[in-house]
Amino acid sequence: MSNVAEKHIVVAPNSEAVLNALPNPVMMIGPDGKILDANIAAESFFETSIQHMQRQMLRDLVPFGSPLLALIEQVRHTGSAVNEYKVDLGTPRIGGDRQVDLHVAPLSEKPGHIVVMLQERTIADKMDRQLTHRSAARSVIALAAMLAHEIKNPLSGIRGAAQLLEQSASPEDRTLTRLICDEADRIVTLVDRMEVFGDERPVARGPVNIHSVFDHVKRLAQSGFARNIKFVEDYDPSLPPVLANQDQLIQVFLNLVKNAAEALVDMGSEGEIQLTTAFRPGVRLSVPGKKTRVSLPLEFCVKDNGPGVPDDLLPNLFDPFVTTKPTGSGLGLALVAKIVGDHGGIIECESQPRKTIFRVLLPMFSAAKTPNQSDARPGTPSFASQQDDEE
């Protein structure tokens, strides 16, 4: 009898510890659809405590008519486990786009009880989006080269002819010749901006203090386009240097902050831009032209509480000529994606009303880096094996 009691004392806590150690959310659902138990990852995913979850039905936490509810009923009737991929469990409370892979299985020891495991698709989708951004950038490079050679030369001839006509034109006609010159200049300016995409020279990189970059960007913004907007800073003071080109990083984050400020133009005193830095180990990316994978443990975010990006634009936001602004060229974010890609990093956007996040992941600087060295933070364990598994 004592052996049985002792076995329960040892096994139950161990089982709970194992579940809580899992990075994926796991829940046990009762026959009536009530949440009976969940691990820490599930609490984090649904942004609520286990005590609160146990007072709710599963249907209260997931979107109305979610496929997850139908899967649970299917497992109850068939008694067999099922998998479903790319299911959106996003809600206004936890975020509008939370795609997961589902594994739903019956609990044989307890008839009618179901175990649900979720696996977020974030890392895989980051890789897919990054490859898409690079493909778009390569297309723009070819287009920029063509524009530079085939458009700027005839434009200079058109502008020169208009200037000659202007000398003998009447005052009324001079308005038209001036319009021709101005429009030719505008097209040249646009082509010059696009020529930046054709610059394939290696980026000179070194150790950069991201907080100095953010402070510089903030000063520029507050002295101009973001004069009346509140800034909130949430920095990790122990963050190691980022391996980057400082001028290009300023260009990236100035562009992102400017976009955020323009999204807040109608918010008045309620507009807020948040700048955050953090160490997030767990992502490695294969960079074209290199055999080794680059760790991206440094996360830098620009957040705003504006109206958000329209859902139909979000998947193609970093493509050229995609813009939400009536007078925008749609090249700003495409250039940002190119610069981040040239640094071997990732940029992504998450957006819903009152919460838009542009997240940049970049490699850290290491003065004496060997091929086998992990990009772990100084003084912390190596995450190399964990990163490999997540791919």
Protein backbone atom coordinates (compact mmCIF):
# COMPACT_ATOMS: atom_id res chain seq x y z
CA MET A 1 0.00 0.00 0.00
CA SER A 2 2.79 2.38 0.90
CA ASN A 3 4.54 1.54 -2.38
CA VAL A 4 1.44 2.50 -4.35
CA ALA A 5 1.09 5.76 -2.46
CA GLU A 6 4.75 6.53 -2.96
CA LYS A 7 4.43 5.80 -6.68
CA HIS A 8 1.60 8.32 -6.99
CA ILE A 9 3.57 10.93 -5.13
CA VAL A 10 6.53 10.56 -7.49
CA VAL A 11 4.84 10.01 -10.85
CA ALA A 12 2.19 12.73 -10.80
CA PRO A 13 4.57 15.63 -10.16
CA ASN A 14 6.98 14.25 -12.76
CA SER A 15 4.20 14.04 -15.34
CA GLU A 16 3.23 17.64 -14.65
CA ALA A 17 6.86 18.73 -14.88
CA VAL A 18 7.25 16.99 -18.25
CA LEU A 19 4.10 18.65 -19.62
CA ASN A 20 5.20 22.07 -18.41
CA ALA A 21 8.62 21.59 -19.98
CA LEU A 22 7.07 21.09 -23.42
CA PRO A 23 7.29 24.20 -25.65
CA ASN A 24 3.96 23.36 -27.33
CA PRO A 25 0.57 24.10 -25.74
CA VAL A 26 -1.20 20.93 -24.48
CA MET A 27 -4.74 20.77 -23.08
CA MET A 28 -7.06 18.05 -21.80
CA ILE A 29 -10.72 18.51 -22.75
CA GLY A 30 -13.56 16.81 -20.84
CA PRO A 31 -16.59 15.05 -22.39
CA ASP A 32 -18.65 18.23 -21.98
CA GLY A 33 -16.06 20.40 -23.78
CA LYS A 34 -14.71 21.91 -20.59
CA ILE A 35 -10.96 22.52 -20.20
CA LEU A 36 -9.76 20.23 -17.41
CA ASP A 37 -6.01 20.77 -17.54
CA ALA A 38 -3.32 22.59 -19.52
CA ASN A 39 0.42 23.18 -19.41
CA ILE A 40 2.29 26.46 -19.04
CA ALA A 41 2.73 26.82 -22.81
CA ALA A 42 -1.08 26.74 -23.21
CA GLU A 43 -1.44 29.47 -20.59
CA SER A 44 1.04 31.56 -22.54
CA PHE A 45 -0.64 30.88 -25.90
CA PHE A 46 -4.13 31.85 -24.71
CA GLU A 47 -2.77 34.58 -22.42
CA THR A 48 -4.70 33.40 -19.39
CA SER A 49 -4.08 31.32 -16.25
CA ILE A 50 -4.91 27.64 -15.84
CA GLN A 51 -7.40 28.56 -13.09
CA HIS A 52 -9.28 30.83 -15.49
CA MET A 53 -9.11 28.24 -18.30
CA GLN A 54 -10.60 25.53 -16.06
CA ARG A 55 -13.67 27.69 -15.55
CA GLN A 56 -14.33 27.89 -19.29
CA MET A 57 -15.41 25.75 -22.19
CA LEU A 58 -12.92 25.33 -25.04
CA ARG A 59 -15.34 27.06 -27.41
CA ASP A 60 -14.96 30.22 -25.28
CA LEU A 61 -11.22 30.44 -26.09
CA VAL A 62 -11.20 29.66 -29.82
CA PRO A 63 -12.88 31.47 -32.73
CA PHE A 64 -16.56 30.81 -33.39
CA GLY A 65 -17.00 27.68 -35.53
CA SER A 66 -13.31 26.76 -35.21
CA PRO A 67 -12.28 23.51 -36.97
CA LEU A 68 -10.73 22.43 -33.67
CA LEU A 69 -14.20 21.84 -32.16
CA ALA A 70 -15.21 19.62 -35.08
CA LEU A 71 -11.93 17.69 -34.83
CA ILE A 72 -12.56 16.95 -31.16
CA GLU A 73 -16.02 15.58 -31.94
CA GLN A 74 -14.55 13.48 -34.76
CA VAL A 75 -11.96 11.97 -32.40
CA ARG A 76 -14.65 11.18 -29.81
CA HIS A 77 -16.71 9.28 -32.38
CA THR A 78 -13.87 7.44 -34.15
CA GLY A 79 -11.52 6.91 -31.22
CA SER A 80 -8.57 7.71 -33.49
CA ALA A 81 -6.11 10.58 -33.38
CA VAL A 82 -6.19 13.19 -36.17
CA ASN A 83 -3.89 15.96 -37.36
CA GLU A 84 -4.88 19.23 -39.01
CA TYR A 85 -2.48 21.81 -40.41
CA LYS A 86 -2.53 25.62 -40.67
CA VAL A 87 -5.62 26.23 -38.53
CA ASP A 88 -6.15 29.83 -37.41
CA LEU A 89 -6.96 30.08 -33.70
CA GLY A 90 -6.51 33.85 -33.58
CA THR A 91 -8.96 35.96 -31.62
CA PRO A 92 -8.99 39.71 -30.85
CA ARG A 93 -7.70 38.95 -27.35
CA ILE A 94 -4.63 36.86 -28.28
CA GLY A 95 -3.99 38.21 -31.78
CA GLY A 96 -5.68 38.10 -35.15
CA ASP A 97 -3.40 35.61 -36.90
CA ARG A 98 -2.29 32.61 -34.82
CA GLN A 99 -1.90 29.73 -37.25
CA VAL A 100 -1.17 26.35 -35.67
CA ASP A 101 -0.85 22.68 -36.52
CA LEU A 102 -3.24 20.56 -34.43
CA HIS A 103 -2.83 17.08 -33.00
CA VAL A 104 -6.01 15.77 -31.37
CA ALA A 105 -6.02 12.35 -29.68
CA PRO A 106 -8.32 10.38 -27.35
CA LEU A 107 -7.21 9.65 -23.79
CA SER A 108 -7.64 5.89 -23.56
CA GLU A 109 -7.56 5.84 -19.76
CA LYS A 110 -10.51 8.25 -19.59
CA PRO A 111 -13.27 7.68 -22.17
CA GLY A 112 -14.58 10.90 -23.66
CA HIS A 113 -11.50 12.88 -22.66
CA ILE A 114 -9.43 14.42 -25.43
CA VAL A 115 -5.84 15.69 -25.52
CA VAL A 116 -5.12 18.64 -27.83
CA MET A 117 -1.60 19.75 -28.77
CA LEU A 118 -0.90 22.94 -30.74
CA GLN A 119 2.23 23.77 -32.68
CA GLU A 120 2.58 27.34 -33.88
CA ARG A 121 3.80 27.78 -37.43
CA THR A 122 5.67 31.01 -36.68
CA ILE A 123 9.23 29.87 -37.41
CA ALA A 124 8.41 28.00 -40.64
CA ASP A 125 6.35 30.93 -41.89
CA LYS A 126 9.18 33.35 -41.06
CA MET A 127 11.45 31.34 -43.33
CA ASP A 128 8.86 31.24 -46.12
CA ARG A 129 8.19 34.98 -45.90
CA GLN A 130 11.90 35.78 -45.89
CA LEU A 131 12.46 33.76 -49.07
CA THR A 132 9.50 35.56 -50.65
CA HIS A 133 10.94 38.96 -49.72
CA ARG A 134 14.30 38.04 -51.24
CA SER A 135 12.64 36.81 -54.43
CA ALA A 136 10.74 40.08 -54.70
CA ALA A 137 13.95 42.05 -54.12
CA ARG A 138 15.71 40.15 -56.92
CA SER A 139 12.85 41.00 -59.29
CA VAL A 140 13.14 44.67 -58.39
CA ILE A 141 16.92 44.58 -58.95
CA ALA A 142 16.38 43.50 -62.56
CA LEU A 143 13.64 46.10 -63.02
CA ALA A 144 15.82 48.85 -61.51
CA ALA A 145 18.70 48.07 -63.87
CA MET A 146 16.36 48.24 -66.87
CA LEU A 147 14.82 51.52 -65.72
CA ALA A 148 18.21 53.13 -65.13
CA HIS A 149 19.44 52.42 -68.66
CA GLU A 150 16.24 52.64 -70.71
CA ILE A 151 14.31 55.47 -69.05
CA LYS A 152 16.75 58.07 -67.68
CA ASN A 153 18.42 58.76 -71.05
CA PRO A 154 15.23 59.61 -73.00
CA LEU A 155 13.95 61.56 -69.99
CA SER A 156 16.98 63.86 -70.13
CA GLY A 157 16.21 64.47 -73.82
CA ILE A 158 12.57 65.26 -73.07
CA ARG A 159 13.57 67.66 -70.30
CA GLY A 160 16.16 69.39 -72.51
CA ALA A 161 13.63 69.84 -75.33
CA ALA A 162 11.09 71.31 -72.90
CA GLN A 163 13.69 73.81 -71.64
CA LEU A 164 14.47 74.92 -75.20
CA LEU A 165 10.75 75.39 -75.94
CA GLU A 166 10.36 77.36 -72.73
CA GLN A 167 12.71 80.09 -73.99
CA SER A 168 10.39 81.08 -76.85
CA ALA A 169 7.05 80.03 -75.36
CA SER A 170 4.24 82.32 -74.26
CA PRO A 171 3.54 82.67 -70.51
CA GLU A 172 0.64 80.22 -70.84
CA ASP A 173 2.79 77.65 -72.65
CA ARG A 174 5.62 78.04 -70.14
CA THR A 175 3.32 76.55 -67.55
CA LEU A 176 3.11 73.42 -69.68
CA THR A 177 6.86 73.24 -70.34
CA ARG A 178 7.49 73.68 -66.60
CA LEU A 179 5.06 70.81 -65.96
CA ILE A 180 7.01 68.60 -68.39
CA CYS A 181 10.29 69.38 -66.62
CA ASP A 182 8.82 68.79 -63.17
CA GLU A 183 7.29 65.45 -64.13
CA ALA A 184 10.53 64.34 -65.81
CA ASP A 185 12.41 65.22 -62.61
CA ARG A 186 9.88 63.26 -60.55
CA ILE A 187 10.35 60.15 -62.69
CA VAL A 188 14.16 60.46 -62.43
CA THR A 189 13.85 60.70 -58.64
CA LEU A 190 11.76 57.53 -58.59
CA VAL A 191 14.28 55.71 -60.79
CA ASP A 192 17.13 56.88 -58.55
CA ARG A 193 15.35 55.40 -55.54
CA MET A 194 14.91 52.12 -57.34
CA GLU A 195 18.57 52.01 -58.35
CA VAL A 196 19.35 51.37 -54.68
CA PHE A 197 17.92 47.87 -55.18
CA GLY A 198 20.55 47.17 -57.83
CA ASP A 199 23.44 47.73 -55.46
CA GLU A 200 24.72 44.20 -54.82
CA ARG A 201 28.03 45.14 -53.21
CA PRO A 202 28.71 43.38 -49.88
CA VAL A 203 27.50 45.33 -46.87
CA ALA A 204 30.32 46.54 -44.57
CA ARG A 205 29.24 45.31 -41.13
CA GLY A 206 30.61 45.48 -37.63
CA PRO A 207 29.48 45.69 -34.01
CA VAL A 208 26.58 48.13 -33.61
CA ASN A 209 24.84 49.18 -30.41
CA ILE A 210 21.17 48.97 -31.37
CA HIS A 211 20.17 51.28 -28.52
CA SER A 212 22.34 54.04 -29.99
CA VAL A 213 20.57 53.47 -33.31
CA PHE A 214 17.14 53.65 -31.65
CA ASP A 215 18.09 56.79 -29.71
CA HIS A 216 19.27 58.47 -32.93
CA VAL A 217 16.11 57.48 -34.80
CA LYS A 218 13.95 58.68 -31.91
CA ARG A 219 15.66 62.10 -31.85
CA LEU A 220 15.21 62.49 -35.60
CA ALA A 221 11.55 61.50 -35.37
CA GLN A 222 10.72 63.74 -32.40
CA SER A 223 12.32 66.73 -34.09
CA GLY A 224 10.19 66.26 -37.19
CA PHE A 225 7.40 63.94 -38.31
CA ALA A 226 6.70 62.41 -34.86
CA ARG A 227 6.89 65.61 -32.82
CA ASN A 228 3.56 65.06 -31.04
CA ILE A 229 3.71 61.28 -30.63
CA LYS A 230 4.53 59.53 -27.37
CA PHE A 231 7.49 57.12 -27.46
CA VAL A 232 7.81 54.16 -25.08
CA GLU A 233 11.10 52.30 -24.76
CA ASP A 234 11.45 48.72 -23.49
CA TYR A 235 15.12 47.79 -23.88
CA ASP A 236 17.19 44.85 -22.72
CA PRO A 237 20.24 46.69 -21.30
CA SER A 238 22.48 43.60 -21.46
CA LEU A 239 21.94 43.03 -25.18
CA PRO A 240 25.17 42.21 -27.09
CA PRO A 241 26.10 44.23 -30.22
CA VAL A 242 24.36 43.43 -33.48
CA LEU A 243 26.39 42.51 -36.57
CA ALA A 244 25.26 45.25 -38.94
CA ASN A 245 25.94 48.46 -40.84
CA GLN A 246 24.92 51.32 -38.57
CA ASP A 247 23.84 53.74 -41.33
CA GLN A 248 21.65 51.13 -42.95
CA LEU A 249 20.10 50.16 -39.61
CA ILE A 250 19.21 53.82 -39.05
CA GLN A 251 17.61 53.85 -42.50
CA VAL A 252 15.59 50.70 -41.67
CA PHE A 253 14.23 51.85 -38.33
CA LEU A 254 13.70 55.46 -39.40
CA ASN A 255 11.51 54.12 -42.20
CA LEU A 256 9.58 51.86 -39.81
CA VAL A 257 9.10 54.65 -37.25
CA LYS A 258 7.97 57.04 -40.00
CA ASN A 259 5.39 54.49 -41.18
CA ALA A 260 4.17 54.09 -37.61
CA ALA A 261 3.91 57.87 -37.17
CA GLU A 262 1.90 58.21 -40.38
CA ALA A 263 -0.46 55.47 -39.16
CA LEU A 264 -1.07 57.51 -35.99
CA VAL A 265 -1.83 60.80 -37.72
CA ASP A 266 -5.52 60.64 -36.73
CA MET A 267 -4.92 59.36 -33.19
CA GLY A 268 -4.05 62.72 -31.67
CA SER A 269 -2.59 62.50 -28.16
CA GLU A 270 -3.46 58.78 -27.96
CA GLY A 271 -0.85 57.83 -30.57
CA GLU A 272 2.04 55.79 -29.18
CA ILE A 273 5.14 54.20 -30.71
CA GLN A 274 6.97 51.53 -28.72
CA LEU A 275 10.59 50.54 -29.38
CA THR A 276 11.70 47.22 -27.89
CA THR A 277 14.85 45.09 -27.93
CA ALA A 278 15.21 41.52 -26.66
CA PHE A 279 17.33 38.39 -26.89
CA ARG A 280 15.25 35.60 -28.49
CA PRO A 281 17.31 32.49 -29.29
CA GLY A 282 15.66 29.89 -31.46
CA VAL A 283 15.90 30.86 -35.14
CA ARG A 284 18.57 30.02 -37.71
CA LEU A 285 18.43 31.06 -41.34
CA SER A 286 20.32 29.81 -44.39
CA VAL A 287 21.86 32.78 -46.19
CA PRO A 288 22.43 32.52 -49.97
CA GLY A 289 26.12 32.12 -50.79
CA LYS A 290 27.05 30.75 -47.38
CA LYS A 291 27.30 27.14 -46.24
CA THR A 292 26.71 27.87 -42.57
CA ARG A 293 23.41 28.97 -41.08
CA VAL A 294 23.15 32.29 -39.27
CA SER A 295 21.60 32.53 -35.82
CA LEU A 296 19.21 35.42 -35.34
CA PRO A 297 18.88 35.85 -31.58
CA LEU A 298 18.44 39.65 -31.52
CA GLU A 299 14.88 40.93 -31.82
CA PHE A 300 14.08 44.59 -32.44
CA CYS A 301 10.48 45.79 -32.68
CA VAL A 302 8.64 48.95 -33.69
CA LYS A 303 5.08 48.86 -32.39
CA ASP A 304 2.21 51.32 -32.75
CA ASN A 305 -1.41 51.50 -31.62
CA GLY A 306 -2.77 52.72 -34.94
CA PRO A 307 -5.62 51.26 -37.03
CA GLY A 308 -3.47 48.40 -38.37
CA VAL A 309 -2.59 47.10 -41.84
CA PRO A 310 -5.50 45.86 -44.02
CA ASP A 311 -5.66 42.05 -44.08
CA ASP A 312 -5.48 41.93 -47.88
CA LEU A 313 -2.17 43.85 -47.94
CA LEU A 314 -0.45 42.08 -45.04
CA PRO A 315 0.87 39.01 -46.97
CA ASN A 316 2.50 41.24 -49.64
CA LEU A 317 3.42 44.22 -47.49
CA PHE A 318 7.16 44.02 -48.30
CA ASP A 319 6.67 43.64 -52.05
CA PRO A 320 7.52 46.66 -54.22
CA PHE A 321 4.72 49.09 -55.11
CA VAL A 322 2.46 47.80 -52.30
CA THR A 323 1.38 50.71 -50.10
CA THR A 324 -1.50 51.92 -47.95
CA LYS A 325 -0.70 55.59 -48.63
CA PRO A 326 -2.57 57.47 -51.40
CA THR A 327 0.65 59.21 -52.52
CA GLY A 328 3.15 56.50 -51.53
CA SER A 329 5.47 54.78 -54.02
CA GLY A 330 5.46 51.44 -52.20
CA LEU A 331 9.27 51.21 -52.21
CA GLY A 332 10.04 52.06 -48.57
CA LEU A 333 9.22 48.69 -47.00
CA ALA A 334 10.62 46.83 -50.01
CA LEU A 335 13.94 48.62 -49.42
CA VAL A 336 13.73 47.80 -45.69
CA ALA A 337 13.23 44.11 -46.54
CA LYS A 338 16.23 44.21 -48.89
CA ILE A 339 18.52 45.79 -46.28
CA VAL A 340 17.45 43.31 -43.60
CA GLY A 341 17.92 40.45 -46.07
CA ASP A 342 21.40 41.74 -46.98
CA HIS A 343 22.22 41.51 -43.27
CA GLY A 344 21.06 37.88 -43.20
CA GLY A 345 18.04 38.77 -41.09
CA ILE A 346 14.27 38.49 -41.08
CA ILE A 347 11.56 41.13 -40.96
CA GLU A 348 7.88 40.42 -40.41
CA CYS A 349 4.72 42.29 -39.57
CA GLU A 350 1.87 41.35 -37.25
CA SER A 351 -1.12 43.65 -37.33
CA GLN A 352 -4.55 44.09 -35.87
CA PRO A 353 -6.47 47.21 -34.84
CA ARG A 354 -4.58 49.13 -32.14
CA LYS A 355 -1.57 46.80 -32.32
CA THR A 356 0.86 46.68 -35.24
CA ILE A 357 4.32 45.16 -34.75
CA PHE A 358 7.25 45.26 -37.18
CA ARG A 359 9.74 42.69 -35.89
CA VAL A 360 13.36 42.51 -37.12
CA LEU A 361 15.58 39.52 -36.24
CA LEU A 362 19.32 39.96 -36.80
CA PRO A 363 22.57 38.11 -35.97
CA MET A 364 24.74 39.20 -33.05
CA PHE A 365 28.35 40.32 -33.38
CA SER A 366 31.13 38.03 -32.18
CA ALA A 367 34.73 39.26 -32.30
CA ALA A 368 36.32 35.79 -32.41
CA LYS A 369 33.75 33.51 -33.94
CA THR A 370 34.61 29.96 -34.94
CA PRO A 371 32.50 27.76 -37.24
CA ASN A 372 31.22 25.73 -34.30
CA GLN A 373 30.48 28.67 -32.04
CA SER A 374 26.87 29.16 -31.07
CA ASP A 375 25.30 32.61 -31.09
CA ALA A 376 24.24 32.16 -27.51
CA ARG A 377 24.24 35.14 -25.24
CA PRO A 378 27.39 35.46 -23.14
CA GLY A 379 26.89 33.60 -19.88
CA THR A 380 23.91 31.54 -21.12
CA PRO A 381 23.68 27.91 -22.29
CA SER A 382 24.07 27.07 -25.97
CA PHE A 383 20.82 26.86 -27.90
CA ALA A 384 22.33 25.23 -31.01
CA SER A 385 20.56 21.88 -30.64
CA GLN A 386 17.24 23.55 -29.91
CA GLN A 387 17.56 25.79 -32.97
CA ASP A 388 18.35 22.84 -35.21
CA ASP A 389 15.25 21.01 -33.98
CA GLU A 390 13.01 23.97 -34.70
CA GLU A 391 13.87 24.05 -38.34
